[in-house]
Amino acid sequence: MSIVWAVNARTFFTELKRRRVYSVAVAYVVVAWLLIQVATQVFPFFNIPNWIVRLVVLLTFVGFPIAVVCAWAFEMTPEGIKLEGDVDRRITRKTGRKLTALIVIVAAVAAGVTVFRFLHRTRASKLRNNPHLQLPSKVNQSPSCLLRI
């Protein structure tokens, strides 16, 4: 019984790979992460309420299983999106390469944003903790002091 299950599991995962469900799942996670990062960084700048950021996060989590099911059922072809059973297998290799290139580009952008934010945060914390760069606690702000410059 366990040998039959192992063979069925192997064919199931092979079918997932053939239908590019893994690629879609990875691409969705990367794009969702990037969207959540943009929402958390940009929305407060425009005074967009915090509940909308929560809604974006919730919708990305809800959309993941939908994207995986659609990746299983449909195939992207140069003629458009078709049901998996109606696809000519000669075309899917070229489309798969384009999808792989898109995933690599989005992952590179996401990695770049992460590195930039990490370096920016590290540099800002170093400047904040440097006692030589801090202003004295009491600064003479009288107009006569400003005119002597």
C-alpha atoms as a PDB file:
ATOM      1  CA  MET A   1       0.000   0.000   0.000  1.00  0.00           C
ATOM      2  CA  SER A   2       2.776   2.468   0.883  1.00  0.00           C
ATOM      3  CA  ILE A   3       4.624   1.753  -2.405  1.00  0.00           C
ATOM      4  CA  VAL A   4       1.523   2.675  -4.401  1.00  0.00           C
ATOM      5  CA  TRP A   5       1.146   5.877  -2.368  1.00  0.00           C
ATOM      6  CA  ALA A   6       4.818   6.766  -2.977  1.00  0.00           C
ATOM      7  CA  VAL A   7       4.398   6.284  -6.739  1.00  0.00           C
ATOM      8  CA  ASN A   8       1.212   8.366  -6.744  1.00  0.00           C
ATOM      9  CA  ALA A   9       2.917  11.104  -4.730  1.00  0.00           C
ATOM     10  CA  ARG A  10       5.848  11.101  -7.160  1.00  0.00           C
ATOM     11  CA  THR A  11       3.543  11.422 -10.178  1.00  0.00           C
ATOM     12  CA  PHE A  12       1.568  14.124  -8.375  1.00  0.00           C
ATOM     13  CA  PHE A  13       4.688  16.227  -7.725  1.00  0.00           C
ATOM     14  CA  THR A  14       5.889  15.590 -11.283  1.00  0.00           C
ATOM     15  CA  GLU A  15       2.540  16.869 -12.533  1.00  0.00           C
ATOM     16  CA  LEU A  16       2.847  19.952 -10.304  1.00  0.00           C
ATOM     17  CA  LYS A  17       6.226  20.661 -11.846  1.00  0.00           C
ATOM     18  CA  ARG A  18       4.982  20.080 -15.397  1.00  0.00           C
ATOM     19  CA  ARG A  19       2.061  22.450 -14.915  1.00  0.00           C
ATOM     20  CA  ARG A  20       4.423  25.044 -13.409  1.00  0.00           C
ATOM     21  CA  VAL A  21       2.513  25.285 -10.139  1.00  0.00           C
ATOM     22  CA  TYR A  22       5.807  25.671  -8.260  1.00  0.00           C
ATOM     23  CA  SER A  23       6.833  28.610 -10.435  1.00  0.00           C
ATOM     24  CA  VAL A  24       3.513  30.356  -9.967  1.00  0.00           C
ATOM     25  CA  ALA A  25       3.630  29.798  -6.205  1.00  0.00           C
ATOM     26  CA  VAL A  26       7.146  31.242  -5.929  1.00  0.00           C
ATOM     27  CA  ALA A  27       6.276  34.181  -8.190  1.00  0.00           C
ATOM     28  CA  TYR A  28       3.123  34.873  -6.180  1.00  0.00           C
ATOM     29  CA  VAL A  29       5.012  34.824  -2.871  1.00  0.00           C
ATOM     30  CA  VAL A  30       7.675  37.222  -4.194  1.00  0.00           C
ATOM     31  CA  VAL A  31       5.155  39.650  -5.703  1.00  0.00           C
ATOM     32  CA  ALA A  32       2.924  39.470  -2.612  1.00  0.00           C
ATOM     33  CA  TRP A  33       5.897  40.202  -0.369  1.00  0.00           C
ATOM     34  CA  LEU A  34       6.853  43.166  -2.550  1.00  0.00           C
ATOM     35  CA  LEU A  35       3.268  44.454  -2.545  1.00  0.00           C
ATOM     36  CA  ILE A  36       3.048  44.170   1.242  1.00  0.00           C
ATOM     37  CA  GLN A  37       6.358  46.007   1.612  1.00  0.00           C
ATOM     38  CA  VAL A  38       5.168  48.822  -0.650  1.00  0.00           C
ATOM     39  CA  ALA A  39       1.856  49.044   1.197  1.00  0.00           C
ATOM     40  CA  THR A  40       3.482  49.238   4.614  1.00  0.00           C
ATOM     41  CA  GLN A  41       6.024  51.840   3.487  1.00  0.00           C
ATOM     42  CA  VAL A  42       4.012  54.052   1.115  1.00  0.00           C
ATOM     43  CA  PHE A  43       0.460  54.029   2.485  1.00  0.00           C
ATOM     44  CA  PRO A  44       1.301  55.885   5.734  1.00  0.00           C
ATOM     45  CA  PHE A  45       3.077  58.563   3.670  1.00  0.00           C
ATOM     46  CA  PHE A  46      -0.206  59.306   1.863  1.00  0.00           C
ATOM     47  CA  ASN A  47      -2.252  59.099   5.093  1.00  0.00           C
ATOM     48  CA  ILE A  48      -4.054  55.975   3.912  1.00  0.00           C
ATOM     49  CA  PRO A  49      -5.731  54.280   6.904  1.00  0.00           C
ATOM     50  CA  ASN A  50      -3.961  51.364   8.535  1.00  0.00           C
ATOM     51  CA  TRP A  51      -6.910  49.018   7.955  1.00  0.00           C
ATOM     52  CA  ILE A  52      -6.225  49.202   4.200  1.00  0.00           C
ATOM     53  CA  VAL A  53      -2.701  47.867   4.790  1.00  0.00           C
ATOM     54  CA  ARG A  54      -4.242  45.005   6.759  1.00  0.00           C
ATOM     55  CA  LEU A  55      -6.699  44.435   3.904  1.00  0.00           C
ATOM     56  CA  VAL A  56      -3.839  44.224   1.384  1.00  0.00           C
ATOM     57  CA  VAL A  57      -2.076  41.634   3.568  1.00  0.00           C
ATOM     58  CA  LEU A  58      -5.289  39.640   4.015  1.00  0.00           C
ATOM     59  CA  LEU A  59      -6.090  39.672   0.297  1.00  0.00           C
ATOM     60  CA  THR A  60      -2.602  38.468  -0.593  1.00  0.00           C
ATOM     61  CA  PHE A  61      -3.009  35.533   1.803  1.00  0.00           C
ATOM     62  CA  VAL A  62      -6.475  34.714   0.467  1.00  0.00           C
ATOM     63  CA  GLY A  63      -5.275  35.012  -3.132  1.00  0.00           C
ATOM     64  CA  PHE A  64      -2.485  32.440  -2.776  1.00  0.00           C
ATOM     65  CA  PRO A  65      -4.635  29.288  -2.926  1.00  0.00           C
ATOM     66  CA  ILE A  66      -6.638  30.829  -5.764  1.00  0.00           C
ATOM     67  CA  ALA A  67      -3.439  31.452  -7.739  1.00  0.00           C
ATOM     68  CA  VAL A  68      -2.221  27.893  -7.135  1.00  0.00           C
ATOM     69  CA  VAL A  69      -5.543  26.385  -8.277  1.00  0.00           C
ATOM     70  CA  CYS A  70      -5.561  28.595 -11.383  1.00  0.00           C
ATOM     71  CA  ALA A  71      -1.977  27.543 -12.133  1.00  0.00           C
ATOM     72  CA  TRP A  72      -3.075  23.917 -11.927  1.00  0.00           C
ATOM     73  CA  ALA A  73      -6.135  24.364 -14.137  1.00  0.00           C
ATOM     74  CA  PHE A  74      -4.899  26.850 -16.756  1.00  0.00           C
ATOM     75  CA  GLU A  75      -1.837  27.320 -18.945  1.00  0.00           C
ATOM     76  CA  MET A  76      -0.347  30.543 -20.323  1.00  0.00           C
ATOM     77  CA  THR A  77       0.253  30.345 -24.069  1.00  0.00           C
ATOM     78  CA  PRO A  78       1.130  32.954 -26.702  1.00  0.00           C
ATOM     79  CA  GLU A  79      -2.532  32.817 -27.761  1.00  0.00           C
ATOM     80  CA  GLY A  80      -3.678  33.613 -24.223  1.00  0.00           C
ATOM     81  CA  ILE A  81      -4.788  31.655 -21.185  1.00  0.00           C
ATOM     82  CA  LYS A  82      -6.227  28.235 -22.007  1.00  0.00           C
ATOM     83  CA  LEU A  83      -7.464  25.245 -20.066  1.00  0.00           C
ATOM     84  CA  GLU A  84      -4.645  22.807 -19.362  1.00  0.00           C
ATOM     85  CA  GLY A  85      -6.198  20.072 -21.486  1.00  0.00           C
ATOM     86  CA  ASP A  86      -6.500  22.294 -24.581  1.00  0.00           C
ATOM     87  CA  VAL A  87      -2.821  23.254 -24.780  1.00  0.00           C
ATOM     88  CA  ASP A  88      -0.398  22.254 -27.499  1.00  0.00           C
ATOM     89  CA  ARG A  89       2.651  20.900 -25.627  1.00  0.00           C
ATOM     90  CA  ARG A  90       5.140  22.308 -28.186  1.00  0.00           C
ATOM     91  CA  ILE A  91       4.373  25.913 -27.153  1.00  0.00           C
ATOM     92  CA  THR A  92       4.615  25.519 -23.373  1.00  0.00           C
ATOM     93  CA  ARG A  93       8.416  25.364 -23.260  1.00  0.00           C
ATOM     94  CA  LYS A  94       8.804  28.881 -24.693  1.00  0.00           C
ATOM     95  CA  THR A  95       6.128  30.255 -22.367  1.00  0.00           C
ATOM     96  CA  GLY A  96       7.771  28.518 -19.405  1.00  0.00           C
ATOM     97  CA  ARG A  97      11.057  30.242 -20.156  1.00  0.00           C
ATOM     98  CA  LYS A  98       9.325  33.623 -20.218  1.00  0.00           C
ATOM     99  CA  LEU A  99       7.642  32.870 -16.884  1.00  0.00           C
ATOM    100  CA  THR A 100      10.970  31.791 -15.398  1.00  0.00           C
ATOM    101  CA  ALA A 101      12.602  35.016 -16.605  1.00  0.00           C
ATOM    102  CA  LEU A 102       9.783  37.041 -15.031  1.00  0.00           C
ATOM    103  CA  ILE A 103      10.222  35.211 -11.720  1.00  0.00           C
ATOM    104  CA  VAL A 104      13.984  35.829 -11.727  1.00  0.00           C
ATOM    105  CA  ILE A 105      13.526  39.547 -12.482  1.00  0.00           C
ATOM    106  CA  VAL A 106      10.908  40.036  -9.744  1.00  0.00           C
ATOM    107  CA  ALA A 107      13.038  38.093  -7.252  1.00  0.00           C
ATOM    108  CA  ALA A 108      16.079  40.239  -8.105  1.00  0.00           C
ATOM    109  CA  VAL A 109      14.077  43.434  -7.577  1.00  0.00           C
ATOM    110  CA  ALA A 110      12.766  42.122  -4.261  1.00  0.00           C
ATOM    111  CA  ALA A 111      16.275  41.175  -3.138  1.00  0.00           C
ATOM    112  CA  GLY A 112      17.547  44.612  -4.152  1.00  0.00           C
ATOM    113  CA  VAL A 113      14.818  46.343  -2.153  1.00  0.00           C
ATOM    114  CA  THR A 114      15.618  44.182   0.866  1.00  0.00           C
ATOM    115  CA  VAL A 115      19.347  44.913   0.670  1.00  0.00           C
ATOM    116  CA  PHE A 116      18.699  48.641   0.219  1.00  0.00           C
ATOM    117  CA  ARG A 117      16.387  48.760   3.237  1.00  0.00           C
ATOM    118  CA  PHE A 118      18.842  46.778   5.361  1.00  0.00           C
ATOM    119  CA  LEU A 119      21.789  49.011   4.449  1.00  0.00           C
ATOM    120  CA  HIS A 120      19.735  52.174   4.890  1.00  0.00           C
ATOM    121  CA  ARG A 121      18.505  51.069   8.309  1.00  0.00           C
ATOM    122  CA  THR A 122      22.042  50.104   9.411  1.00  0.00           C
ATOM    123  CA  ARG A 123      23.481  53.436   8.274  1.00  0.00           C
ATOM    124  CA  ALA A 124      20.698  55.399   9.974  1.00  0.00           C
ATOM    125  CA  SER A 125      21.190  53.553  13.261  1.00  0.00           C
ATOM    126  CA  LYS A 126      24.952  54.229  13.145  1.00  0.00           C
ATOM    127  CA  LEU A 127      24.314  57.940  12.619  1.00  0.00           C
ATOM    128  CA  ARG A 128      21.744  58.021  15.393  1.00  0.00           C
ATOM    129  CA  ASN A 129      24.097  56.355  17.881  1.00  0.00           C
ATOM    130  CA  ASN A 130      27.149  58.499  17.065  1.00  0.00           C
ATOM    131  CA  PRO A 131      27.549  61.049  19.923  1.00  0.00           C
ATOM    132  CA  HIS A 132      29.679  63.399  17.798  1.00  0.00           C
ATOM    133  CA  LEU A 133      26.887  63.930  15.296  1.00  0.00           C
ATOM    134  CA  GLN A 134      24.156  64.677  17.826  1.00  0.00           C
ATOM    135  CA  LEU A 135      23.024  68.200  18.538  1.00  0.00           C
ATOM    136  CA  PRO A 136      23.290  69.519  22.076  1.00  0.00           C
ATOM    137  CA  SER A 137      20.112  69.212  24.071  1.00  0.00           C
ATOM    138  CA  LYS A 138      19.756  72.976  24.558  1.00  0.00           C
ATOM    139  CA  VAL A 139      20.355  75.054  21.488  1.00  0.00           C
ATOM    140  CA  ASN A 140      20.136  78.828  21.545  1.00  0.00           C
ATOM    141  CA  GLN A 141      17.272  79.537  19.180  1.00  0.00           C
ATOM    142  CA  SER A 142      17.015  83.271  19.702  1.00  0.00           C
ATOM    143  CA  PRO A 143      16.761  85.435  16.563  1.00  0.00           C
ATOM    144  CA  SER A 144      19.954  87.324  17.478  1.00  0.00           C
ATOM    145  CA  CYS A 145      21.909  84.056  17.461  1.00  0.00           C
ATOM    146  CA  LEU A 146      20.592  83.206  13.996  1.00  0.00           C
ATOM    147  CA  LEU A 147      21.577  86.600  12.600  1.00  0.00           C
ATOM    148  CA  ARG A 148      25.246  86.194  13.536  1.00  0.00           C
ATOM    149  CA  ILE A 149      25.766  83.489  10.961  1.00  0.00           C
END
